[in-house]
Every structure is written in structure tokens, then in C-alpha cells.
Amino acid sequence: MSDSNTTDSTAAPLILVDCPGLEAAHVWISIPFCAMYTTAILGNFTILFIVKREPSLHGPMYYFLCMLAITDLIISTSTLPKMLSIFWFNSREISFSACITQMYFVHCFSGMESGILVAMALDRYVAICHPLRHSTILTNPIVAKIGLAVVLRGGILALPYPFLARRWPYCRTNIIPHFFCGHIAVVNLACADIRISSYYGLFDLFSEIGMDVFFIAVSYTQILRAIFRLPTKDARLKTFGTCISHLCAISALYIPNFFSSLLFRFGHNVPLHVHVLISSVYQLVPPMLHPIIYGVRTKEIWGRLLQLVTHKET
């Protein structure tokens, strides 16, 4: 694949390059990334354990939170171990089949994560705007159907990525200046017109992230209207406080994604290692922050966690 005449995309392994230009500092850079990955793993497993253990938490909000935790675990685990192996062992090679498998998992579960945040926005909307009907609207079968829809949407819309990547001939280089196999990063190596891949990437972006942001915005417009109709300031603040965790989770996902997309499309003069570091933040920060946000801000989870810790200590 590194040969200029090579057209078989599976002939040679791809080479991932993490933080090009900062190789001498790889060990030091790996320390915060390893700490964040460890926090993400422990935090999300803790959320799953507490919700499973406590029957009082078996409700729509916590089911969606468990889905978010599982998604965060898969996203971070599909990319970060390889990134750390590059830092620690200089293990840069990845087969083309493994690369497109990683590509599918990254795009599939990123779409699912966004869809779960929409489902959580729906839960907040029903809880605030129709509190007396919350348990009859968001029943367990409805929650299961919403979860299935989120999974199917993410899985189906990500399915063309590996097929598009496989169809192109590759003859430029086998070096990917990134720590994971994103769709555009891979197809940019092709010696062919890849406009179909680019157009589909934009379609996927608008049909998933764009629509999800729209539905979240509509939900919060209705939520704010309901909050402002409450009679007292304390009631308004207390009700809005139930949305803080979800708003923080939205910010943790969409803000790094927004800056990463802008930098990738318009930051042509920005050093390559800055691109990679921003993408790393997008891959790591949401899985790390989500369990912290919900663990600290949600008193039911925080209370169960404190009970668990103090019980073990005694």
C-alpha cells in the first residue's frame, strides 16, 4: 500500500500516527489520556452497577443513562487502547479490516450517543411538561422501542462507511495521521474521486447530529416555556435544576465535536498534532465526564454511591 502502484487496499497494514511532531513527549502525553480513560471505564461501570443494584432507579431516565454509559464504554474502548499502545509500545500498525471495523464502531456508537441524548431530552420534556403522565407515556415498552430505534439508526447510518472505504483503490500512502480510523482520514488515502464518501459524511452529519440538535432545541424550548409559567422563582430554579445534568452531558458531547469538525474542515494551517489532540478530546472527554456529571448532580446515584462506599468501609 505504500508502493505507488498498489491498488489492493488490503495488501499491507495501515500505519497510525499519533500526535505527529510530538513523538518525544508521547510518554508524558499518555499520562492524562490514560487517567481519563481509566476514569471513563470506572465511572461508567459504576453507573451500570448502581442502577442494576437499586430497584428504585429502574426508570426511563436511568435506563437511558445506562444506554449512554454502555455507548461511552464502547466508543472509548474502540479507540483508546490502540492510542495508548502507540504511545507506550510504538505499535502503529493496524490491518485494513481492523481499521474499517474500528471505523464502523466509532461512527455507529457516536450516532447512538447523540440519539440517546435526544431520548433523555424527551424524558426531561415529559417529566416537566406532563409530570402526571410521565409513567404512562414513558413505559418500559416505549423506552425499549426508543432504545431500539436509536440502535438501529446508528447501526444503519454507519453501515455505508466501511463499504465506501473498501470500494476505493489506495495508492498514495498507508500512513493515517491520526490515532484511529475515521472515515475521512482513511478515504483521503485513496487515489480516486471520493466525493461520494464526502457527501455521505455530510448527509450523516446533518441527518444525525443536525436533527438531534434540532429535536433537543425543540424539547428545551417547550421545557423553558413550562418553567417560566411556574409561579415562584424557587420552583423555576428547582425544576430547571433537574435539567442541568443533561445540559452538561450535551455540552460535553457537542462542543468538542463542533470544534473538531470546524478545525478539520477549515483549520488547514493548524499543526497536525493540534488536530489529533482535539479529536482525542472529543473521543475521551464525553465518556469521562458523563458519569461524573450524573454521579455528582443526580442525588439518587450519589446517595447510592455513598451508601456503597461507607458500607464497604464499615
C-alpha atoms as a PDB file:
ATOM      1  CA  MET A   1       0.000   0.000   0.000  1.00  0.00           C
ATOM      2  CA  SER A   2       2.955   2.256   0.461  1.00  0.00           C
ATOM      3  CA  ASP A   3       4.008   1.336  -3.099  1.00  0.00           C
ATOM      4  CA  SER A   4       2.782   3.903  -5.612  1.00  0.00           C
ATOM      5  CA  ASN A   5       1.398   1.147  -7.877  1.00  0.00           C
ATOM      6  CA  THR A   6      -0.544  -0.644  -5.145  1.00  0.00           C
ATOM      7  CA  THR A   7      -4.303  -0.804  -5.677  1.00  0.00           C
ATOM      8  CA  ASP A   8      -5.228  -3.600  -3.231  1.00  0.00           C
ATOM      9  CA  SER A   9      -6.403  -1.843  -0.090  1.00  0.00           C
ATOM     10  CA  THR A  10      -5.835  -4.984   1.986  1.00  0.00           C
ATOM     11  CA  ALA A  11      -2.295  -5.669   0.761  1.00  0.00           C
ATOM     12  CA  ALA A  12      -0.463  -4.012   3.636  1.00  0.00           C
ATOM     13  CA  PRO A  13      -1.267  -2.746   7.114  1.00  0.00           C
ATOM     14  CA  LEU A  14      -2.050   0.884   7.736  1.00  0.00           C
ATOM     15  CA  ILE A  15       0.171   2.996   9.950  1.00  0.00           C
ATOM     16  CA  LEU A  16      -1.455   5.203  12.585  1.00  0.00           C
ATOM     17  CA  VAL A  17       0.498   8.297  13.611  1.00  0.00           C
ATOM     18  CA  ASP A  18      -0.490   9.797  16.957  1.00  0.00           C
ATOM     19  CA  CYS A  19       0.458  13.438  17.655  1.00  0.00           C
ATOM     20  CA  PRO A  20       2.978  13.756  14.791  1.00  0.00           C
ATOM     21  CA  GLY A  21       5.837  16.050  15.747  1.00  0.00           C
ATOM     22  CA  LEU A  22       5.445  15.311  19.454  1.00  0.00           C
ATOM     23  CA  GLU A  23       6.924  11.801  19.495  1.00  0.00           C
ATOM     24  CA  ALA A  24       9.466  12.730  22.176  1.00  0.00           C
ATOM     25  CA  ALA A  25       6.641  13.657  24.549  1.00  0.00           C
ATOM     26  CA  HIS A  26       4.459  10.588  23.909  1.00  0.00           C
ATOM     27  CA  VAL A  27       5.005   9.087  27.356  1.00  0.00           C
ATOM     28  CA  TRP A  28       4.040  12.338  29.080  1.00  0.00           C
ATOM     29  CA  ILE A  29       1.054  12.897  26.801  1.00  0.00           C
ATOM     30  CA  SER A  30      -0.159   9.378  27.528  1.00  0.00           C
ATOM     31  CA  ILE A  31      -0.474  10.007  31.282  1.00  0.00           C
ATOM     32  CA  PRO A  32      -3.558  12.306  31.188  1.00  0.00           C
ATOM     33  CA  PHE A  33      -5.149  10.217  28.433  1.00  0.00           C
ATOM     34  CA  CYS A  34      -4.666   7.025  30.435  1.00  0.00           C
ATOM     35  CA  ALA A  35      -6.098   8.738  33.532  1.00  0.00           C
ATOM     36  CA  MET A  36      -9.142   9.946  31.591  1.00  0.00           C
ATOM     37  CA  TYR A  37      -9.700   6.516  30.043  1.00  0.00           C
ATOM     38  CA  THR A  38      -9.455   4.840  33.444  1.00  0.00           C
ATOM     39  CA  THR A  39     -11.926   7.371  34.868  1.00  0.00           C
ATOM     40  CA  ALA A  40     -14.318   6.707  31.977  1.00  0.00           C
ATOM     41  CA  ILE A  41     -14.171   2.929  32.473  1.00  0.00           C
ATOM     42  CA  LEU A  42     -14.590   3.034  36.255  1.00  0.00           C
ATOM     43  CA  GLY A  43     -17.234   5.770  36.177  1.00  0.00           C
ATOM     44  CA  ASN A  44     -19.466   4.155  33.566  1.00  0.00           C
ATOM     45  CA  PHE A  45     -19.216   0.694  35.116  1.00  0.00           C
ATOM     46  CA  THR A  46     -20.128   2.265  38.460  1.00  0.00           C
ATOM     47  CA  ILE A  47     -23.244   3.847  36.930  1.00  0.00           C
ATOM     48  CA  LEU A  48     -24.287   0.494  35.456  1.00  0.00           C
ATOM     49  CA  PHE A  49     -23.623  -1.325  38.736  1.00  0.00           C
ATOM     50  CA  ILE A  50     -25.573   1.143  40.876  1.00  0.00           C
ATOM     51  CA  VAL A  51     -28.600   1.249  38.561  1.00  0.00           C
ATOM     52  CA  LYS A  52     -28.689  -2.545  38.313  1.00  0.00           C
ATOM     53  CA  ARG A  53     -28.345  -2.918  42.084  1.00  0.00           C
ATOM     54  CA  GLU A  54     -31.061  -0.410  43.072  1.00  0.00           C
ATOM     55  CA  PRO A  55     -34.651  -1.255  42.022  1.00  0.00           C
ATOM     56  CA  SER A  56     -35.712   2.318  42.840  1.00  0.00           C
ATOM     57  CA  LEU A  57     -33.574   3.522  39.912  1.00  0.00           C
ATOM     58  CA  HIS A  58     -35.305   1.296  37.377  1.00  0.00           C
ATOM     59  CA  GLY A  59     -36.990   4.093  35.433  1.00  0.00           C
ATOM     60  CA  PRO A  60     -36.746   5.780  32.000  1.00  0.00           C
ATOM     61  CA  MET A  61     -34.093   8.346  32.974  1.00  0.00           C
ATOM     62  CA  TYR A  62     -31.776   5.708  34.404  1.00  0.00           C
ATOM     63  CA  TYR A  63     -32.372   3.251  31.557  1.00  0.00           C
ATOM     64  CA  PHE A  64     -31.283   5.950  29.111  1.00  0.00           C
ATOM     65  CA  LEU A  65     -28.330   6.736  31.382  1.00  0.00           C
ATOM     66  CA  CYS A  66     -27.279   3.076  31.263  1.00  0.00           C
ATOM     67  CA  MET A  67     -27.503   3.135  27.488  1.00  0.00           C
ATOM     68  CA  LEU A  68     -25.298   6.237  27.481  1.00  0.00           C
ATOM     69  CA  ALA A  69     -22.793   4.511  29.786  1.00  0.00           C
ATOM     70  CA  ILE A  70     -22.596   1.430  27.543  1.00  0.00           C
ATOM     71  CA  THR A  71     -22.144   3.615  24.469  1.00  0.00           C
ATOM     72  CA  ASP A  72     -19.382   5.621  26.153  1.00  0.00           C
ATOM     73  CA  LEU A  73     -17.596   2.417  27.164  1.00  0.00           C
ATOM     74  CA  ILE A  74     -17.659   1.059  23.606  1.00  0.00           C
ATOM     75  CA  ILE A  75     -16.587   4.339  21.977  1.00  0.00           C
ATOM     76  CA  SER A  76     -13.633   4.883  24.296  1.00  0.00           C
ATOM     77  CA  THR A  77     -12.552   1.217  24.237  1.00  0.00           C
ATOM     78  CA  SER A  78     -12.676   1.048  20.437  1.00  0.00           C
ATOM     79  CA  THR A  79     -10.030   3.782  20.101  1.00  0.00           C
ATOM     80  CA  LEU A  80      -8.097   4.495  23.290  1.00  0.00           C
ATOM     81  CA  PRO A  81      -6.305   1.149  23.848  1.00  0.00           C
ATOM     82  CA  LYS A  82      -4.770   1.435  20.379  1.00  0.00           C
ATOM     83  CA  MET A  83      -3.837   5.034  21.072  1.00  0.00           C
ATOM     84  CA  LEU A  84      -2.082   4.067  24.303  1.00  0.00           C
ATOM     85  CA  SER A  85      -0.283   1.188  22.567  1.00  0.00           C
ATOM     86  CA  ILE A  86       1.116   3.731  20.092  1.00  0.00           C
ATOM     87  CA  PHE A  87       2.273   5.934  22.965  1.00  0.00           C
ATOM     88  CA  TRP A  88       3.794   3.148  25.039  1.00  0.00           C
ATOM     89  CA  PHE A  89       4.903   0.444  22.591  1.00  0.00           C
ATOM     90  CA  ASN A  90       5.089   2.295  19.253  1.00  0.00           C
ATOM     91  CA  SER A  91       2.543  -0.220  17.930  1.00  0.00           C
ATOM     92  CA  ARG A  92       1.353   1.755  14.924  1.00  0.00           C
ATOM     93  CA  GLU A  93       0.243  -0.931  12.501  1.00  0.00           C
ATOM     94  CA  ILE A  94      -3.390  -1.859  12.002  1.00  0.00           C
ATOM     95  CA  SER A  95      -4.797  -4.125   9.293  1.00  0.00           C
ATOM     96  CA  PHE A  96      -7.253  -2.672   6.832  1.00  0.00           C
ATOM     97  CA  SER A  97     -10.022  -4.986   8.059  1.00  0.00           C
ATOM     98  CA  ALA A  98      -9.417  -3.964  11.677  1.00  0.00           C
ATOM     99  CA  CYS A  99      -9.308  -0.331  10.567  1.00  0.00           C
ATOM    100  CA  ILE A 100     -12.707  -0.357   8.869  1.00  0.00           C
ATOM    101  CA  THR A 101     -14.169  -2.339  11.788  1.00  0.00           C
ATOM    102  CA  GLN A 102     -12.947   0.375  14.143  1.00  0.00           C
ATOM    103  CA  MET A 103     -14.345   2.978  11.740  1.00  0.00           C
ATOM    104  CA  TYR A 104     -17.786   1.363  11.891  1.00  0.00           C
ATOM    105  CA  PHE A 105     -17.816   1.168  15.687  1.00  0.00           C
ATOM    106  CA  VAL A 106     -16.720   4.799  16.096  1.00  0.00           C
ATOM    107  CA  HIS A 107     -19.342   6.217  13.723  1.00  0.00           C
ATOM    108  CA  CYS A 108     -22.080   3.805  14.792  1.00  0.00           C
ATOM    109  CA  PHE A 109     -21.817   4.430  18.523  1.00  0.00           C
ATOM    110  CA  SER A 110     -21.173   8.147  18.139  1.00  0.00           C
ATOM    111  CA  GLY A 111     -24.532   8.352  16.367  1.00  0.00           C
ATOM    112  CA  MET A 112     -26.144   6.251  19.092  1.00  0.00           C
ATOM    113  CA  GLU A 113     -24.723   8.522  21.792  1.00  0.00           C
ATOM    114  CA  SER A 114     -26.293  11.545  20.144  1.00  0.00           C
ATOM    115  CA  GLY A 115     -29.611   9.724  19.800  1.00  0.00           C
ATOM    116  CA  ILE A 116     -29.596   8.757  23.480  1.00  0.00           C
ATOM    117  CA  LEU A 117     -29.224  12.424  24.425  1.00  0.00           C
ATOM    118  CA  VAL A 118     -32.358  13.130  22.368  1.00  0.00           C
ATOM    119  CA  ALA A 119     -34.170  10.367  24.255  1.00  0.00           C
ATOM    120  CA  MET A 120     -33.033  11.904  27.553  1.00  0.00           C
ATOM    121  CA  ALA A 121     -34.309  15.301  26.359  1.00  0.00           C
ATOM    122  CA  LEU A 122     -37.675  13.649  25.676  1.00  0.00           C
ATOM    123  CA  ASP A 123     -37.655  12.254  29.209  1.00  0.00           C
ATOM    124  CA  ARG A 124     -36.980  15.723  30.647  1.00  0.00           C
ATOM    125  CA  TYR A 125     -39.734  17.212  28.470  1.00  0.00           C
ATOM    126  CA  VAL A 126     -42.339  14.681  29.623  1.00  0.00           C
ATOM    127  CA  ALA A 127     -41.227  14.924  33.278  1.00  0.00           C
ATOM    128  CA  ILE A 128     -41.573  18.728  33.318  1.00  0.00           C
ATOM    129  CA  CYS A 129     -44.372  19.440  30.856  1.00  0.00           C
ATOM    130  CA  HIS A 130     -46.548  16.379  31.618  1.00  0.00           C
ATOM    131  CA  PRO A 131     -45.435  15.220  35.076  1.00  0.00           C
ATOM    132  CA  LEU A 132     -48.663  13.404  35.933  1.00  0.00           C
ATOM    133  CA  ARG A 133     -48.495  11.355  32.735  1.00  0.00           C
ATOM    134  CA  HIS A 134     -44.755  10.589  32.826  1.00  0.00           C
ATOM    135  CA  SER A 135     -45.157   6.987  33.984  1.00  0.00           C
ATOM    136  CA  THR A 136     -47.927   6.290  31.457  1.00  0.00           C
ATOM    137  CA  ILE A 137     -46.147   7.909  28.499  1.00  0.00           C
ATOM    138  CA  LEU A 138     -42.636   6.543  29.051  1.00  0.00           C
ATOM    139  CA  THR A 139     -43.489   2.975  29.943  1.00  0.00           C
ATOM    140  CA  ASN A 140     -40.841   0.244  29.803  1.00  0.00           C
ATOM    141  CA  PRO A 141     -42.008  -0.989  26.347  1.00  0.00           C
ATOM    142  CA  ILE A 142     -41.849   2.574  24.987  1.00  0.00           C
ATOM    143  CA  VAL A 143     -38.361   3.066  26.451  1.00  0.00           C
ATOM    144  CA  ALA A 144     -37.279  -0.238  24.874  1.00  0.00           C
ATOM    145  CA  LYS A 145     -38.666   0.851  21.485  1.00  0.00           C
ATOM    146  CA  ILE A 146     -36.875   4.211  21.726  1.00  0.00           C
ATOM    147  CA  GLY A 147     -33.628   2.420  22.594  1.00  0.00           C
ATOM    148  CA  LEU A 148     -34.081   0.014  19.676  1.00  0.00           C
ATOM    149  CA  ALA A 149     -34.739   2.921  17.300  1.00  0.00           C
ATOM    150  CA  VAL A 150     -31.571   4.673  18.480  1.00  0.00           C
ATOM    151  CA  VAL A 151     -29.518   1.489  17.983  1.00  0.00           C
ATOM    152  CA  LEU A 152     -30.965   0.761  14.540  1.00  0.00           C
ATOM    153  CA  ARG A 153     -30.497   4.326  13.343  1.00  0.00           C
ATOM    154  CA  GLY A 154     -26.868   4.435  14.453  1.00  0.00           C
ATOM    155  CA  GLY A 155     -26.100   0.997  13.048  1.00  0.00           C
ATOM    156  CA  ILE A 156     -27.773   1.543   9.670  1.00  0.00           C
ATOM    157  CA  LEU A 157     -26.441   5.053   9.003  1.00  0.00           C
ATOM    158  CA  ALA A 158     -22.878   3.949   9.860  1.00  0.00           C
ATOM    159  CA  LEU A 159     -23.083   0.860   7.628  1.00  0.00           C
ATOM    160  CA  PRO A 160     -22.100   2.620   4.351  1.00  0.00           C
ATOM    161  CA  TYR A 161     -18.805   3.886   5.822  1.00  0.00           C
ATOM    162  CA  PRO A 162     -16.869   0.585   5.634  1.00  0.00           C
ATOM    163  CA  PHE A 163     -18.410  -0.272   2.256  1.00  0.00           C
ATOM    164  CA  LEU A 164     -17.435   3.107   0.811  1.00  0.00           C
ATOM    165  CA  ALA A 165     -13.933   2.780   2.255  1.00  0.00           C
ATOM    166  CA  ARG A 166     -13.495  -0.673   0.679  1.00  0.00           C
ATOM    167  CA  ARG A 167     -14.529   0.360  -2.812  1.00  0.00           C
ATOM    168  CA  TRP A 168     -11.667   2.809  -3.433  1.00  0.00           C
ATOM    169  CA  PRO A 169      -8.201   1.920  -4.742  1.00  0.00           C
ATOM    170  CA  TYR A 170      -5.403   3.017  -2.402  1.00  0.00           C
ATOM    171  CA  CYS A 171      -2.082   4.001  -3.887  1.00  0.00           C
ATOM    172  CA  ARG A 172      -0.898   7.187  -2.165  1.00  0.00           C
ATOM    173  CA  THR A 173       0.361   6.126   1.227  1.00  0.00           C
ATOM    174  CA  ASN A 174      -0.529   3.785   4.049  1.00  0.00           C
ATOM    175  CA  ILE A 175       0.035   6.398   6.777  1.00  0.00           C
ATOM    176  CA  ILE A 176      -3.000   7.795   8.595  1.00  0.00           C
ATOM    177  CA  PRO A 177      -2.045  10.964  10.510  1.00  0.00           C
ATOM    178  CA  HIS A 178      -4.423  10.077  13.304  1.00  0.00           C
ATOM    179  CA  PHE A 179      -4.775   7.690  16.235  1.00  0.00           C
ATOM    180  CA  PHE A 180      -7.941   5.982  14.951  1.00  0.00           C
ATOM    181  CA  CYS A 181      -9.538   5.132  11.629  1.00  0.00           C
ATOM    182  CA  GLY A 182     -12.076   7.844  10.952  1.00  0.00           C
ATOM    183  CA  HIS A 183     -13.890   7.608   7.628  1.00  0.00           C
ATOM    184  CA  ILE A 184     -12.471  10.733   6.000  1.00  0.00           C
ATOM    185  CA  ALA A 185      -8.976  10.063   7.377  1.00  0.00           C
ATOM    186  CA  VAL A 186      -8.974   6.682   5.619  1.00  0.00           C
ATOM    187  CA  VAL A 187     -10.601   7.584   2.293  1.00  0.00           C
ATOM    188  CA  ASN A 188      -8.279  10.581   1.931  1.00  0.00           C
ATOM    189  CA  LEU A 189      -5.586   7.992   1.216  1.00  0.00           C
ATOM    190  CA  ALA A 190      -7.450   6.800  -1.888  1.00  0.00           C
ATOM    191  CA  CYS A 191      -6.276   7.689  -5.365  1.00  0.00           C
ATOM    192  CA  ALA A 192      -9.818   8.204  -6.652  1.00  0.00           C
ATOM    193  CA  ASP A 193     -12.650  10.695  -6.628  1.00  0.00           C
ATOM    194  CA  ILE A 194     -14.040  10.289  -3.104  1.00  0.00           C
ATOM    195  CA  ARG A 195     -16.850  12.854  -3.363  1.00  0.00           C
ATOM    196  CA  ILE A 196     -19.434  10.139  -2.657  1.00  0.00           C
ATOM    197  CA  SER A 197     -17.761   9.434   0.679  1.00  0.00           C
ATOM    198  CA  SER A 198     -17.572  13.138   1.470  1.00  0.00           C
ATOM    199  CA  TYR A 199     -21.210  13.732   0.543  1.00  0.00           C
ATOM    200  CA  TYR A 200     -22.377  10.771   2.585  1.00  0.00           C
ATOM    201  CA  GLY A 201     -20.382  12.005   5.567  1.00  0.00           C
ATOM    202  CA  LEU A 202     -22.163  15.363   5.337  1.00  0.00           C
ATOM    203  CA  PHE A 203     -25.535  13.635   4.934  1.00  0.00           C
ATOM    204  CA  ASP A 204     -24.862  11.520   8.027  1.00  0.00           C
ATOM    205  CA  LEU A 205     -23.738  14.585   9.979  1.00  0.00           C
ATOM    206  CA  PHE A 206     -26.916  16.531   9.207  1.00  0.00           C
ATOM    207  CA  SER A 207     -29.307  13.576   9.496  1.00  0.00           C
ATOM    208  CA  GLU A 208     -27.937  12.546  12.883  1.00  0.00           C
ATOM    209  CA  ILE A 209     -26.256  15.424  14.711  1.00  0.00           C
ATOM    210  CA  GLY A 210     -28.225  18.138  12.923  1.00  0.00           C
ATOM    211  CA  MET A 211     -31.617  16.544  13.529  1.00  0.00           C
ATOM    212  CA  ASP A 212     -30.704  15.579  17.093  1.00  0.00           C
ATOM    213  CA  VAL A 213     -29.695  19.136  17.952  1.00  0.00           C
ATOM    214  CA  PHE A 214     -32.957  20.358  16.402  1.00  0.00           C
ATOM    215  CA  PHE A 215     -35.100  17.955  18.471  1.00  0.00           C
ATOM    216  CA  ILE A 216     -33.176  18.787  21.651  1.00  0.00           C
ATOM    217  CA  ALA A 217     -33.681  22.505  20.970  1.00  0.00           C
ATOM    218  CA  VAL A 218     -37.431  21.975  20.435  1.00  0.00           C
ATOM    219  CA  SER A 219     -37.650  19.961  23.668  1.00  0.00           C
ATOM    220  CA  TYR A 220     -35.904  22.632  25.694  1.00  0.00           C
ATOM    221  CA  THR A 221     -37.989  25.385  24.143  1.00  0.00           C
ATOM    222  CA  GLN A 222     -41.072  23.636  25.499  1.00  0.00           C
ATOM    223  CA  ILE A 223     -39.335  22.933  28.819  1.00  0.00           C
ATOM    224  CA  LEU A 224     -38.376  26.587  29.288  1.00  0.00           C
ATOM    225  CA  ARG A 225     -41.905  27.720  28.442  1.00  0.00           C
ATOM    226  CA  ALA A 226     -43.260  25.372  31.119  1.00  0.00           C
ATOM    227  CA  ILE A 227     -40.648  26.531  33.646  1.00  0.00           C
ATOM    228  CA  PHE A 228     -41.402  30.228  33.107  1.00  0.00           C
ATOM    229  CA  ARG A 229     -45.083  29.533  33.759  1.00  0.00           C
ATOM    230  CA  LEU A 230     -44.306  28.294  37.271  1.00  0.00           C
ATOM    231  CA  PRO A 231     -45.500  30.695  40.000  1.00  0.00           C
ATOM    232  CA  THR A 232     -42.319  31.197  42.057  1.00  0.00           C
ATOM    233  CA  LYS A 233     -38.633  31.710  41.400  1.00  0.00           C
ATOM    234  CA  ASP A 234     -37.699  28.826  43.695  1.00  0.00           C
ATOM    235  CA  ALA A 235     -39.975  26.461  41.789  1.00  0.00           C
ATOM    236  CA  ARG A 236     -38.467  27.584  38.493  1.00  0.00           C
ATOM    237  CA  LEU A 237     -34.901  27.112  39.746  1.00  0.00           C
ATOM    238  CA  LYS A 238     -35.671  23.718  41.264  1.00  0.00           C
ATOM    239  CA  THR A 239     -37.312  22.482  38.073  1.00  0.00           C
ATOM    240  CA  PHE A 240     -34.557  23.807  35.840  1.00  0.00           C
ATOM    241  CA  GLY A 241     -32.021  22.152  38.163  1.00  0.00           C
ATOM    242  CA  THR A 242     -33.339  18.746  37.082  1.00  0.00           C
ATOM    243  CA  CYS A 243     -32.101  19.554  33.557  1.00  0.00           C
ATOM    244  CA  ILE A 244     -28.563  20.640  34.491  1.00  0.00           C
ATOM    245  CA  SER A 245     -27.031  17.156  34.249  1.00  0.00           C
ATOM    246  CA  HIS A 246     -28.499  16.615  30.796  1.00  0.00           C
ATOM    247  CA  LEU A 247     -27.399  20.045  29.560  1.00  0.00           C
ATOM    248  CA  CYS A 248     -23.859  19.369  30.815  1.00  0.00           C
ATOM    249  CA  ALA A 249     -23.859  15.987  29.039  1.00  0.00           C
ATOM    250  CA  ILE A 250     -24.989  17.674  25.819  1.00  0.00           C
ATOM    251  CA  SER A 251     -22.217  20.280  26.130  1.00  0.00           C
ATOM    252  CA  ALA A 252     -19.597  17.595  26.821  1.00  0.00           C
ATOM    253  CA  LEU A 253     -20.533  15.803  23.588  1.00  0.00           C
ATOM    254  CA  TYR A 254     -21.425  18.515  21.092  1.00  0.00           C
ATOM    255  CA  ILE A 255     -18.925  21.286  21.913  1.00  0.00           C
ATOM    256  CA  PRO A 256     -15.764  19.159  21.305  1.00  0.00           C
ATOM    257  CA  ASN A 257     -17.468  17.640  18.241  1.00  0.00           C
ATOM    258  CA  PHE A 258     -18.278  21.104  16.891  1.00  0.00           C
ATOM    259  CA  PHE A 259     -14.731  22.414  17.302  1.00  0.00           C
ATOM    260  CA  SER A 260     -13.240  19.200  15.924  1.00  0.00           C
ATOM    261  CA  SER A 261     -15.412  19.436  12.784  1.00  0.00           C
ATOM    262  CA  LEU A 262     -14.593  23.128  12.267  1.00  0.00           C
ATOM    263  CA  LEU A 263     -10.892  22.510  12.752  1.00  0.00           C
ATOM    264  CA  PHE A 264     -10.876  19.568  10.366  1.00  0.00           C
ATOM    265  CA  ARG A 265     -12.673  21.436   7.579  1.00  0.00           C
ATOM    266  CA  PHE A 266     -11.231  24.942   7.942  1.00  0.00           C
ATOM    267  CA  GLY A 267      -8.064  24.689  10.041  1.00  0.00           C
ATOM    268  CA  HIS A 268      -5.721  23.858   7.184  1.00  0.00           C
ATOM    269  CA  ASN A 269      -2.926  25.964   8.670  1.00  0.00           C
ATOM    270  CA  VAL A 270      -3.243  24.467  12.145  1.00  0.00           C
ATOM    271  CA  PRO A 271      -0.446  21.999  13.070  1.00  0.00           C
ATOM    272  CA  LEU A 272      -1.416  18.371  12.604  1.00  0.00           C
ATOM    273  CA  HIS A 273      -0.819  17.431  16.236  1.00  0.00           C
ATOM    274  CA  VAL A 274      -3.416  20.048  17.282  1.00  0.00           C
ATOM    275  CA  HIS A 275      -5.992  18.313  15.053  1.00  0.00           C
ATOM    276  CA  VAL A 276      -5.166  14.980  16.663  1.00  0.00           C
ATOM    277  CA  LEU A 277      -5.314  16.337  20.211  1.00  0.00           C
ATOM    278  CA  ILE A 278      -8.707  17.987  19.590  1.00  0.00           C
ATOM    279  CA  SER A 279     -10.049  14.711  18.173  1.00  0.00           C
ATOM    280  CA  SER A 280      -8.662  12.906  21.215  1.00  0.00           C
ATOM    281  CA  VAL A 281     -10.591  15.275  23.452  1.00  0.00           C
ATOM    282  CA  TYR A 282     -13.763  14.503  21.509  1.00  0.00           C
ATOM    283  CA  GLN A 283     -13.212  10.757  21.953  1.00  0.00           C
ATOM    284  CA  LEU A 284     -12.293  10.903  25.649  1.00  0.00           C
ATOM    285  CA  VAL A 285     -13.994  13.835  27.350  1.00  0.00           C
ATOM    286  CA  PRO A 286     -17.683  12.790  26.975  1.00  0.00           C
ATOM    287  CA  PRO A 287     -17.135   9.196  28.253  1.00  0.00           C
ATOM    288  CA  MET A 288     -15.139  10.591  31.180  1.00  0.00           C
ATOM    289  CA  LEU A 289     -17.475  13.466  32.071  1.00  0.00           C
ATOM    290  CA  HIS A 290     -20.875  11.797  31.682  1.00  0.00           C
ATOM    291  CA  PRO A 291     -20.596   9.506  34.757  1.00  0.00           C
ATOM    292  CA  ILE A 292     -19.058  12.341  36.786  1.00  0.00           C
ATOM    293  CA  ILE A 293     -21.864  14.734  35.799  1.00  0.00           C
ATOM    294  CA  TYR A 294     -24.649  12.293  36.584  1.00  0.00           C
ATOM    295  CA  GLY A 295     -22.888  10.854  39.630  1.00  0.00           C
ATOM    296  CA  VAL A 296     -22.478  14.262  41.251  1.00  0.00           C
ATOM    297  CA  ARG A 297     -25.605  16.031  40.016  1.00  0.00           C
ATOM    298  CA  THR A 298     -28.090  13.175  40.473  1.00  0.00           C
ATOM    299  CA  LYS A 299     -28.756  12.807  44.185  1.00  0.00           C
ATOM    300  CA  GLU A 300     -30.193   9.284  43.839  1.00  0.00           C
ATOM    301  CA  ILE A 301     -26.997   7.969  42.224  1.00  0.00           C
ATOM    302  CA  TRP A 302     -24.747   9.997  44.511  1.00  0.00           C
ATOM    303  CA  GLY A 303     -26.625   8.760  47.567  1.00  0.00           C
ATOM    304  CA  ARG A 304     -26.406   5.107  46.484  1.00  0.00           C
ATOM    305  CA  LEU A 305     -22.700   5.521  45.746  1.00  0.00           C
ATOM    306  CA  LEU A 306     -22.043   6.998  49.193  1.00  0.00           C
ATOM    307  CA  GLN A 307     -24.010   4.177  50.795  1.00  0.00           C
ATOM    308  CA  LEU A 308     -21.999   1.632  48.870  1.00  0.00           C
ATOM    309  CA  VAL A 309     -18.659   3.201  49.832  1.00  0.00           C
ATOM    310  CA  THR A 310     -19.499   3.704  53.519  1.00  0.00           C
ATOM    311  CA  HIS A 311     -20.917   0.186  53.773  1.00  0.00           C
ATOM    312  CA  LYS A 312     -17.683  -1.263  52.417  1.00  0.00           C
ATOM    313  CA  GLU A 313     -15.615   0.831  54.798  1.00  0.00           C
ATOM    314  CA  THR A 314     -17.600  -0.399  57.787  1.00  0.00           C
END
